[in-house]
């Protein structure tokens, strides 16, 4: 699969049903030697009623990816706040 084939897909957590972002807004961490994908680095905004926005990054190991479909990537990850 090419990187261009996963660009624009939504990332959804199977455990919580939460939409985490879109590939293209996140970074893909790649092993420089092997070229293997190690993780997805997903930026997250947190705040109360839009008053405070803290940027956090959620790093999801690639082994937690369960399915890549036509429109979305399904992950299974419990380490989400």
Protein backbone atom coordinates (compact mmCIF):
# COMPACT_ATOMS: atom_id res chain seq x y z
CA UNK A 1 0.00 0.00 0.00
CA UNK A 2 1.23 3.49 -0.84
CA UNK A 3 1.18 6.44 1.53
CA UNK A 4 -1.02 8.31 -0.93
CA UNK A 5 -3.64 5.57 -0.54
CA UNK A 6 -4.12 6.25 3.18
CA UNK A 7 -4.02 10.06 2.94
CA UNK A 8 -7.37 11.62 3.83
CA UNK A 9 -8.72 8.59 5.69
CA UNK A 10 -10.35 9.18 9.07
CA UNK A 11 -8.80 7.49 12.10
CA UNK A 12 -11.39 5.89 14.42
CA UNK A 13 -10.74 4.12 17.72
CA UNK A 14 -12.60 0.81 17.92
CA UNK A 15 -12.36 0.79 21.72
CA UNK A 16 -14.07 4.15 22.31
CA UNK A 17 -15.78 4.82 18.97
CA UNK A 18 -14.04 8.21 18.93
CA UNK A 19 -12.91 9.94 15.74
CA UNK A 20 -9.26 10.88 16.34
CA UNK A 21 -8.37 12.74 13.19
CA UNK A 22 -7.51 12.37 9.54
CA UNK A 23 -4.34 11.02 7.99
CA UNK A 24 -2.82 14.14 6.56
CA UNK A 25 -3.35 16.06 9.80
CA UNK A 26 -1.17 13.56 11.63
CA UNK A 27 2.41 12.40 11.22
CA UNK A 28 3.56 8.91 10.42
CA UNK A 29 6.66 7.80 12.29
CA UNK A 30 8.87 5.64 10.07
CA UNK A 31 11.94 3.54 10.87
CA UNK A 32 14.71 5.21 8.85
CA UNK A 33 16.57 1.97 8.29
CA UNK A 34 13.80 -0.46 7.37
CA UNK A 35 11.13 1.94 6.12
CA UNK A 36 8.54 0.27 8.38
CA UNK A 37 5.78 2.43 9.87
CA UNK A 38 6.22 2.52 13.65
CA UNK A 39 3.36 4.76 14.81
CA UNK A 40 0.80 7.42 14.01
CA UNK A 41 1.36 10.74 15.79
CA UNK A 42 -2.07 12.36 16.08
CA UNK A 43 -2.39 15.99 17.27
CA UNK A 44 -5.21 16.47 19.78
CA UNK A 45 -6.83 19.66 21.03
CA UNK A 46 -8.35 19.70 24.47
CA UNK A 47 -10.32 22.41 26.14
CA UNK A 48 -13.51 23.30 27.93
CA UNK A 49 -16.15 25.02 25.81
CA UNK A 50 -13.45 26.17 23.44
CA UNK A 51 -12.00 28.49 26.09
CA UNK A 52 -8.69 26.72 26.52
CA UNK A 53 -6.96 24.76 23.82
CA UNK A 54 -4.03 22.60 24.80
CA UNK A 55 -2.27 20.80 21.99
CA UNK A 56 -1.29 17.27 22.85
CA UNK A 57 0.04 14.52 20.66
CA UNK A 58 -1.26 10.98 20.83
CA UNK A 59 1.25 8.43 19.57
CA UNK A 60 -0.49 5.22 18.50
CA UNK A 61 1.78 2.26 17.69
CA UNK A 62 1.23 0.86 14.20
CA UNK A 63 0.58 -2.59 15.71
CA UNK A 64 -2.70 -1.13 17.04
CA UNK A 65 -4.06 -0.59 13.52
CA UNK A 66 -6.76 -3.23 13.00
CA UNK A 67 -8.20 -2.40 9.58
CA UNK A 68 -7.62 0.02 6.73
CA UNK A 69 -10.85 0.48 4.79
CA UNK A 70 -11.92 2.65 1.89
CA UNK A 71 -12.78 5.65 4.08
CA UNK A 72 -11.17 5.08 7.45
CA UNK A 73 -8.45 3.45 9.51
CA UNK A 74 -9.69 1.51 12.54
CA UNK A 75 -7.35 1.34 15.52
CA UNK A 76 -7.76 -0.42 18.84
CA UNK A 77 -6.12 1.63 21.54
CA UNK A 78 -7.01 2.06 25.22
CA UNK A 79 -4.33 4.61 26.06
CA UNK A 80 -6.59 7.50 25.07
CA UNK A 81 -7.66 10.01 27.67
